[in-house]
N, C-alpha and C. Protein backbone atom coordinates (compact mmCIF):
# COMPACT_ATOMS: atom_id res chain seq x y z
N MET A 1 -4.35 9.81 -2.10
CA MET A 1 -3.58 8.50 -2.19
C MET A 1 -2.91 8.40 -3.36
N VAL A 2 -1.87 7.74 -3.13
CA VAL A 2 -0.74 7.72 -4.32
C VAL A 2 -1.29 6.53 -5.14
N THR A 3 -1.53 6.61 -6.45
CA THR A 3 -1.84 5.82 -7.48
C THR A 3 -0.62 5.55 -8.58
N LEU A 4 -0.77 4.73 -9.28
CA LEU A 4 0.08 4.57 -10.51
C LEU A 4 0.13 5.74 -11.36
N ASP A 5 -1.18 6.40 -11.68
CA ASP A 5 -1.29 7.49 -12.61
C ASP A 5 -0.75 8.62 -11.88
N SER A 6 -0.99 8.76 -10.63
CA SER A 6 -0.28 10.26 -9.94
C SER A 6 1.12 10.01 -9.90
N SER A 7 1.70 8.75 -9.71
CA SER A 7 3.01 8.71 -9.61
C SER A 7 3.70 9.02 -10.82
N ILE A 8 2.93 8.61 -11.89
CA ILE A 8 3.68 8.91 -13.14
C ILE A 8 3.41 10.41 -13.73
N SER A 9 2.32 11.08 -13.21
CA SER A 9 2.20 12.42 -13.45
C SER A 9 3.30 13.27 -12.67
N PHE A 10 3.50 12.75 -11.37
CA PHE A 10 4.42 13.56 -10.60
C PHE A 10 5.85 13.30 -11.27
N LEU A 11 6.31 12.09 -11.63
CA LEU A 11 7.56 12.03 -12.39
C LEU A 11 7.72 12.77 -13.58
N ILE A 12 6.63 12.81 -14.30
CA ILE A 12 6.84 13.70 -15.65
C ILE A 12 6.95 15.21 -15.29
N TYR A 13 6.24 15.59 -14.35
CA TYR A 13 6.25 16.97 -13.78
C TYR A 13 7.68 17.34 -13.50
N ILE A 14 8.40 16.27 -12.53
CA ILE A 14 9.58 16.75 -11.99
C ILE A 14 10.79 16.61 -13.02
N THR A 15 10.53 15.61 -13.95
CA THR A 15 11.61 15.48 -15.09
C THR A 15 11.58 16.72 -16.13
N ALA A 16 10.37 17.11 -16.28
CA ALA A 16 10.05 18.25 -17.26
C ALA A 16 10.78 19.55 -16.61
N VAL A 17 10.61 19.84 -15.39
CA VAL A 17 11.17 20.91 -14.57
C VAL A 17 12.64 20.80 -14.63
N SER A 18 13.19 19.64 -14.22
CA SER A 18 14.64 19.47 -14.31
C SER A 18 15.27 19.64 -15.65
N SER A 19 14.65 19.14 -16.86
CA SER A 19 15.03 19.44 -18.13
C SER A 19 15.14 20.95 -18.27
N ALA A 20 14.11 21.71 -18.05
CA ALA A 20 13.85 22.85 -18.20
C ALA A 20 14.99 23.86 -17.48
N ALA A 21 15.43 23.42 -16.24
CA ALA A 21 16.40 24.06 -15.51
C ALA A 21 17.73 23.69 -16.01
N SER A 22 17.97 22.45 -16.55
CA SER A 22 19.30 22.13 -17.29
C SER A 22 19.24 23.03 -18.42
N GLY A 23 18.27 23.38 -19.16
CA GLY A 23 18.44 24.35 -20.66
C GLY A 23 18.76 25.68 -19.99
N VAL A 24 18.19 26.08 -18.86
CA VAL A 24 18.46 27.44 -18.26
C VAL A 24 20.00 27.54 -17.96
N THR A 25 20.47 26.34 -17.35
CA THR A 25 21.87 26.52 -17.02
C THR A 25 22.73 26.48 -18.42
N GLU A 26 22.25 25.71 -19.25
CA GLU A 26 23.06 25.56 -20.57
C GLU A 26 23.18 27.28 -21.17
N ALA A 27 21.98 27.89 -20.88
CA ALA A 27 21.98 29.29 -21.57
C ALA A 27 22.86 30.25 -20.66
N PHE A 28 22.92 29.97 -19.38
CA PHE A 28 23.93 30.56 -18.69
C PHE A 28 25.37 30.52 -19.06
N LYS A 29 25.63 29.09 -19.38
CA LYS A 29 27.01 28.68 -19.82
C LYS A 29 27.45 29.46 -21.20
N SER A 30 26.45 29.56 -21.88
CA SER A 30 26.76 30.43 -23.26
C SER A 30 27.13 31.98 -22.99
N VAL A 31 26.55 32.13 -21.90
CA VAL A 31 26.60 33.82 -21.56
C VAL A 31 27.88 34.14 -20.86
N ILE A 32 28.23 33.25 -19.79
CA ILE A 32 29.27 33.35 -18.81
C ILE A 32 30.37 32.31 -19.18
N PRO A 33 31.51 32.79 -19.63
CA PRO A 33 32.60 31.78 -20.16
C PRO A 33 33.09 31.00 -18.97
N PHE A 34 33.03 31.53 -17.82
CA PHE A 34 33.72 30.87 -16.58
C PHE A 34 32.85 29.44 -16.34
N LEU A 35 31.53 29.45 -16.77
CA LEU A 35 30.79 28.20 -16.45
C LEU A 35 30.87 27.25 -17.29
N ALA A 36 31.59 27.44 -18.46
CA ALA A 36 31.72 26.48 -19.64
C ALA A 36 33.16 26.07 -19.79
N THR A 37 34.12 26.67 -19.27
CA THR A 37 35.52 26.42 -19.40
C THR A 37 35.93 25.25 -18.55
N ASP A 38 36.84 24.51 -19.26
CA ASP A 38 37.51 23.19 -18.44
C ASP A 38 38.96 23.85 -18.19
N TYR A 39 39.17 23.77 -16.86
CA TYR A 39 40.33 24.23 -16.32
C TYR A 39 41.53 23.11 -16.12
N GLU A 40 42.82 23.46 -16.60
CA GLU A 40 43.81 22.46 -16.61
C GLU A 40 45.05 23.05 -16.08
N ALA A 41 45.91 22.58 -15.39
CA ALA A 41 47.00 23.07 -14.95
C ALA A 41 48.01 23.54 -15.88
N LYS A 42 48.62 24.82 -15.87
CA LYS A 42 49.48 25.20 -16.99
C LYS A 42 50.78 24.36 -16.89
N GLU A 43 51.17 24.25 -15.60
CA GLU A 43 52.55 23.43 -15.54
C GLU A 43 52.28 22.17 -14.59
N ASN A 44 53.09 21.34 -14.53
CA ASN A 44 52.91 20.08 -13.83
C ASN A 44 53.67 20.42 -12.37
N CYS A 45 53.14 21.46 -11.63
CA CYS A 45 53.50 21.85 -10.42
C CYS A 45 52.09 21.62 -9.26
N TRP A 46 52.45 21.53 -8.10
CA TRP A 46 51.19 21.30 -7.27
C TRP A 46 50.34 22.49 -7.00
N GLU A 47 50.76 23.70 -7.14
CA GLU A 47 50.13 24.83 -7.05
C GLU A 47 49.15 25.14 -8.20
N ASP A 48 49.72 24.68 -9.44
CA ASP A 48 48.88 24.79 -10.63
C ASP A 48 47.63 23.70 -10.69
N GLN A 49 48.04 22.70 -10.23
CA GLN A 49 47.00 21.70 -10.09
C GLN A 49 46.02 22.02 -9.04
N TYR A 50 46.30 22.39 -7.93
CA TYR A 50 45.32 22.82 -7.02
C TYR A 50 44.56 24.01 -7.33
N ARG A 51 44.90 25.06 -8.15
CA ARG A 51 44.33 26.14 -8.63
C ARG A 51 43.25 25.67 -9.58
N ALA A 52 43.72 24.77 -10.59
CA ALA A 52 42.79 24.16 -11.73
C ALA A 52 41.59 23.58 -11.01
N ALA A 53 42.08 22.60 -10.05
CA ALA A 53 40.94 21.72 -9.33
C ALA A 53 39.96 22.76 -8.61
N ARG A 54 40.45 23.73 -8.13
CA ARG A 54 39.64 24.83 -7.14
C ARG A 54 38.42 25.37 -8.14
N LEU A 55 39.20 25.87 -9.42
CA LEU A 55 38.33 26.57 -10.39
C LEU A 55 37.29 25.66 -10.96
N MET A 56 37.64 24.36 -11.20
CA MET A 56 36.58 23.23 -11.63
C MET A 56 35.56 23.06 -10.64
N HIS A 57 36.02 23.13 -9.16
CA HIS A 57 34.88 22.88 -8.40
C HIS A 57 34.03 24.12 -8.11
N TYR A 58 34.52 25.26 -8.30
CA TYR A 58 33.76 26.59 -8.34
C TYR A 58 32.76 26.35 -9.52
N LYS A 59 33.17 25.99 -10.62
CA LYS A 59 32.33 26.06 -11.95
C LYS A 59 31.23 24.93 -11.64
N ARG A 60 31.62 23.77 -11.14
CA ARG A 60 30.47 22.80 -11.00
C ARG A 60 29.50 23.33 -9.97
N PHE A 61 30.17 23.99 -8.86
CA PHE A 61 29.09 24.50 -7.91
C PHE A 61 28.19 25.59 -8.33
N PHE A 62 28.72 26.46 -9.25
CA PHE A 62 27.73 27.62 -9.81
C PHE A 62 26.83 27.04 -10.84
N ASN A 63 27.22 25.97 -11.50
CA ASN A 63 26.48 25.20 -12.56
C ASN A 63 25.20 24.62 -11.78
N LEU A 64 25.47 23.92 -10.68
CA LEU A 64 24.32 23.26 -9.90
C LEU A 64 23.60 24.48 -9.29
N LEU A 65 24.14 25.56 -8.79
CA LEU A 65 23.34 26.46 -8.05
C LEU A 65 22.35 27.09 -9.05
N ILE A 66 22.91 27.43 -10.23
CA ILE A 66 21.93 28.10 -11.22
C ILE A 66 20.93 27.13 -11.64
N SER A 67 21.12 25.74 -11.71
CA SER A 67 20.14 24.83 -12.05
C SER A 67 19.08 24.69 -10.93
N VAL A 68 19.54 24.70 -9.67
CA VAL A 68 18.54 24.49 -8.44
C VAL A 68 17.65 25.74 -8.53
N LEU A 69 18.26 26.98 -8.62
CA LEU A 69 17.62 28.20 -8.65
C LEU A 69 16.44 28.41 -9.75
N ALA A 70 16.93 27.94 -11.01
CA ALA A 70 16.04 27.92 -12.13
C ALA A 70 14.86 26.91 -11.78
N ALA A 71 15.11 25.68 -11.27
CA ALA A 71 14.16 24.84 -11.04
C ALA A 71 13.08 25.41 -9.90
N GLY A 72 13.68 26.10 -8.92
CA GLY A 72 12.97 26.54 -7.95
C GLY A 72 11.93 27.77 -8.42
N VAL A 73 12.44 28.58 -9.41
CA VAL A 73 11.76 29.72 -10.14
C VAL A 73 10.67 28.99 -10.92
N ILE A 74 11.13 27.94 -11.73
CA ILE A 74 10.00 27.24 -12.48
C ILE A 74 8.96 26.84 -11.59
N PHE A 75 9.22 26.12 -10.54
CA PHE A 75 8.16 25.64 -9.61
C PHE A 75 7.32 26.78 -9.00
N GLY A 76 7.85 27.86 -8.64
CA GLY A 76 7.17 28.94 -8.17
C GLY A 76 6.18 29.52 -9.19
N MET A 77 6.70 29.80 -10.50
CA MET A 77 6.00 30.48 -11.59
C MET A 77 4.77 29.42 -11.88
N LEU A 78 4.95 28.27 -11.86
CA LEU A 78 3.90 27.48 -12.35
C LEU A 78 2.77 27.30 -11.11
N GLY A 79 3.26 27.30 -9.93
CA GLY A 79 2.45 27.31 -8.70
C GLY A 79 1.84 26.01 -8.40
N LEU A 80 2.61 24.96 -8.82
CA LEU A 80 2.12 23.58 -8.61
C LEU A 80 2.81 22.87 -7.49
N ASP A 81 2.43 22.27 -6.50
CA ASP A 81 3.04 21.50 -5.67
C ASP A 81 3.31 20.10 -6.05
N PRO A 82 4.38 19.52 -6.22
CA PRO A 82 4.52 18.15 -6.64
C PRO A 82 4.08 17.17 -5.77
N ALA A 83 3.98 17.56 -4.41
CA ALA A 83 3.45 16.36 -3.39
C ALA A 83 2.07 16.34 -3.62
N LEU A 84 1.35 17.33 -4.09
CA LEU A 84 -0.03 17.29 -4.29
C LEU A 84 -0.29 16.53 -5.48
N ILE A 85 0.65 16.52 -6.56
CA ILE A 85 0.25 16.00 -7.66
C ILE A 85 0.45 14.41 -7.43
N LEU A 86 1.53 14.00 -6.57
CA LEU A 86 1.75 12.69 -6.17
C LEU A 86 0.63 12.04 -5.42
N THR A 87 0.07 12.77 -4.50
CA THR A 87 -0.87 12.18 -3.76
C THR A 87 -2.41 12.16 -4.58
N GLY A 88 -2.59 12.94 -5.57
CA GLY A 88 -3.60 12.79 -6.17
C GLY A 88 -4.64 13.67 -5.99
N ALA A 89 -4.14 14.81 -5.39
CA ALA A 89 -5.24 15.73 -4.85
C ALA A 89 -6.00 16.46 -5.97
N GLU A 90 -7.23 16.88 -5.66
CA GLU A 90 -8.06 17.47 -6.64
C GLU A 90 -7.40 18.66 -7.46
N SER A 91 -6.77 19.55 -6.76
CA SER A 91 -6.07 20.66 -7.16
C SER A 91 -4.53 20.64 -6.62
N ALA A 92 -3.55 20.83 -7.51
CA ALA A 92 -2.28 20.78 -7.12
C ALA A 92 -1.82 22.30 -7.07
N TYR A 93 -2.65 23.26 -7.43
CA TYR A 93 -2.06 24.47 -7.15
C TYR A 93 -2.12 25.06 -5.56
N VAL A 94 -1.22 25.92 -5.54
CA VAL A 94 -0.88 26.42 -4.15
C VAL A 94 -1.11 28.01 -4.15
N LYS A 95 -1.52 28.52 -3.15
CA LYS A 95 -1.74 29.94 -3.22
C LYS A 95 -0.49 30.81 -3.08
N ASN A 96 0.35 30.25 -2.08
CA ASN A 96 1.72 30.84 -2.08
C ASN A 96 2.82 30.04 -2.55
N SER A 97 3.13 30.08 -3.91
CA SER A 97 4.19 29.13 -4.37
C SER A 97 5.62 29.61 -4.18
N TRP A 98 5.86 30.42 -3.50
CA TRP A 98 7.18 30.91 -3.38
C TRP A 98 7.80 30.84 -1.86
N GLN A 99 7.15 29.68 -1.29
CA GLN A 99 7.63 29.32 -0.12
C GLN A 99 8.88 28.26 -0.17
N LEU A 100 9.33 28.13 1.18
CA LEU A 100 10.55 27.30 1.13
C LEU A 100 10.50 25.83 0.56
N GLY A 101 9.33 25.26 0.72
CA GLY A 101 9.07 24.10 -0.06
C GLY A 101 9.27 23.95 -1.42
N THR A 102 8.90 25.09 -2.01
CA THR A 102 9.04 25.27 -3.60
C THR A 102 10.56 25.01 -3.85
N TRP A 103 11.28 25.66 -3.07
CA TRP A 103 12.79 25.65 -3.44
C TRP A 103 13.57 24.31 -3.12
N MET A 104 12.79 23.67 -2.13
CA MET A 104 13.36 22.39 -1.78
C MET A 104 12.91 21.53 -2.96
N TRP A 105 11.72 21.60 -3.67
CA TRP A 105 11.55 20.67 -4.69
C TRP A 105 12.48 21.00 -5.82
N GLY A 106 13.06 22.17 -5.75
CA GLY A 106 13.91 22.53 -6.91
C GLY A 106 15.27 21.67 -6.62
N ILE A 107 15.70 21.70 -5.59
CA ILE A 107 16.76 20.77 -5.15
C ILE A 107 16.47 19.26 -5.57
N VAL A 108 15.47 18.73 -5.11
CA VAL A 108 15.06 17.43 -5.38
C VAL A 108 15.03 17.29 -7.03
N ALA A 109 14.46 18.23 -7.81
CA ALA A 109 14.36 17.79 -9.21
C ALA A 109 15.82 17.96 -9.77
N VAL A 110 16.68 18.65 -9.45
CA VAL A 110 17.87 18.77 -9.85
C VAL A 110 18.84 17.58 -9.67
N PHE A 111 18.91 17.34 -8.37
CA PHE A 111 19.75 16.14 -7.78
C PHE A 111 19.16 14.77 -8.10
N GLY A 112 17.73 14.70 -8.22
CA GLY A 112 17.17 13.60 -8.30
C GLY A 112 16.58 13.02 -9.78
N SER A 113 17.00 13.88 -10.61
CA SER A 113 16.52 13.81 -12.09
C SER A 113 16.79 12.34 -12.76
N PRO A 114 18.04 11.99 -12.67
CA PRO A 114 18.58 10.55 -13.45
C PRO A 114 17.53 9.54 -12.68
N PHE A 115 17.54 9.77 -11.23
CA PHE A 115 16.64 8.38 -10.76
C PHE A 115 15.30 8.68 -11.00
N PHE A 116 14.80 10.03 -10.99
CA PHE A 116 13.28 9.97 -11.51
C PHE A 116 13.03 9.48 -12.95
N ALA A 117 13.89 9.83 -13.86
CA ALA A 117 13.98 9.40 -15.25
C ALA A 117 13.72 8.05 -15.40
N SER A 118 14.49 7.33 -14.72
CA SER A 118 14.78 5.89 -14.82
C SER A 118 13.45 5.15 -14.07
N LEU A 119 12.83 5.77 -12.96
CA LEU A 119 11.55 5.44 -12.23
C LEU A 119 10.52 5.47 -13.26
N LEU A 120 10.52 6.54 -13.93
CA LEU A 120 9.38 6.90 -14.82
C LEU A 120 9.28 5.68 -15.87
N LYS A 121 10.34 5.46 -16.53
CA LYS A 121 10.31 4.52 -17.57
C LYS A 121 9.95 3.10 -17.11
N ILE A 122 10.24 2.64 -15.78
CA ILE A 122 9.80 1.48 -15.23
C ILE A 122 8.34 1.46 -15.04
N LEU A 123 7.94 2.72 -14.58
CA LEU A 123 6.39 2.67 -14.11
C LEU A 123 5.57 2.83 -15.54
N GLU A 124 6.14 3.43 -16.51
CA GLU A 124 5.48 3.56 -17.88
C GLU A 124 5.26 1.96 -18.32
N SER A 125 6.27 1.28 -18.35
CA SER A 125 6.15 0.12 -19.01
C SER A 125 5.33 -0.82 -18.11
N PHE A 126 5.39 -0.76 -16.77
CA PHE A 126 4.56 -1.30 -15.94
C PHE A 126 3.10 -1.22 -16.24
N LYS A 127 2.96 0.00 -16.27
CA LYS A 127 1.41 0.50 -16.87
C LYS A 127 0.89 -0.13 -18.00
N GLN A 128 1.76 -0.08 -19.07
CA GLN A 128 1.48 -0.59 -20.27
C GLN A 128 1.19 -2.17 -20.14
N SER A 129 1.98 -2.75 -19.26
CA SER A 129 1.77 -4.31 -19.22
C SER A 129 0.34 -4.50 -18.45
N VAL A 130 0.06 -3.68 -17.47
CA VAL A 130 -1.04 -3.72 -16.69
C VAL A 130 -2.28 -3.56 -17.60
N ASP A 131 -2.12 -2.29 -18.35
CA ASP A 131 -3.34 -1.94 -19.24
C ASP A 131 -3.61 -2.96 -20.57
N SER A 132 -2.60 -3.70 -20.96
CA SER A 132 -2.82 -4.58 -21.92
C SER A 132 -3.84 -5.65 -21.77
N ASN A 133 -3.99 -6.08 -20.58
CA ASN A 133 -5.00 -6.99 -20.26
C ASN A 133 -4.66 -8.48 -20.87
N LEU A 134 -3.56 -8.72 -21.04
CA LEU A 134 -3.20 -10.05 -21.55
C LEU A 134 -3.15 -11.05 -20.45
N PRO A 135 -3.54 -12.36 -20.72
CA PRO A 135 -3.29 -13.22 -19.71
C PRO A 135 -1.87 -13.58 -19.37
N PRO A 136 -1.62 -14.11 -18.16
CA PRO A 136 -0.35 -14.24 -17.92
C PRO A 136 0.36 -15.40 -18.77
N ASN A 137 1.61 -15.42 -19.17
CA ASN A 137 2.22 -16.43 -19.93
C ASN A 137 2.01 -17.71 -19.22
N ARG A 138 1.73 -18.70 -20.13
CA ARG A 138 1.65 -20.06 -19.85
C ARG A 138 2.53 -20.92 -20.78
N PRO A 139 2.92 -22.08 -20.04
CA PRO A 139 3.73 -22.93 -20.94
C PRO A 139 2.90 -23.39 -22.26
N ARG A 140 3.94 -23.42 -23.33
CA ARG A 140 3.30 -23.93 -24.58
C ARG A 140 2.98 -25.22 -24.90
N ARG A 141 3.68 -26.10 -24.25
CA ARG A 141 3.44 -27.50 -24.13
C ARG A 141 3.52 -28.10 -22.87
N LYS A 142 3.00 -29.21 -22.79
CA LYS A 142 2.97 -29.94 -21.31
C LYS A 142 4.36 -30.40 -21.33
N VAL A 143 4.72 -30.58 -20.17
CA VAL A 143 6.11 -31.27 -19.77
C VAL A 143 5.59 -32.49 -18.88
N SER A 144 5.97 -33.68 -19.42
CA SER A 144 5.60 -34.71 -18.66
C SER A 144 6.98 -35.55 -18.08
N GLY A 145 6.86 -36.08 -17.23
CA GLY A 145 7.96 -36.67 -16.62
C GLY A 145 7.54 -37.88 -15.86
N THR A 146 8.44 -38.78 -15.37
CA THR A 146 8.16 -39.85 -14.44
C THR A 146 8.44 -39.34 -13.16
N ARG A 147 7.65 -39.80 -12.22
CA ARG A 147 8.13 -39.48 -10.71
C ARG A 147 8.78 -40.81 -10.17
N GLU A 148 9.84 -40.51 -9.48
CA GLU A 148 10.72 -41.47 -8.87
C GLU A 148 10.56 -41.47 -7.32
C-alpha cells in the first residue's frame, strides 16, 4: 500500500540515484572533451550551422545516454526495486536486479528527476504540516454584520 512515508522514501531514492548518475556524467565530461564542448558555426553559412547543430545534438544524446546507463548500473548494483519501495513492501531487494525493469527505472530517474525533486519538496512540507498537530487556522476576531 502506498503511504506518505513510502512515497517520500521512493522519491528520495530516485532523486539520489539521479544525482549520482549526473555526477558520473560530469566525470565523463571531464575525461571526454567531446561531451563538454559547445559547438558553434565557424562561418555564417548553412552548412556550418547544420554541422554545429548536429554535433550539439550528438553531445546531448551521449550525455543523456551516459546518465541513463549510470542510473541503471546504480539501480542494479544496489539491488533495490523502486516500485517495492513505493508500495511499502517488507523488502525492496530483488534477486536479479539486472533485468530490463532496472534499466527502465534508470530512464525514469534521469528524465523525471526535476519533477520528482519538486514533488519531494511538496510531500515533505505536507508531512511536516500533518505531523505538527496544530489545530486548523481560525479567525482571530469575530466578524459581525447585519443581515439584510
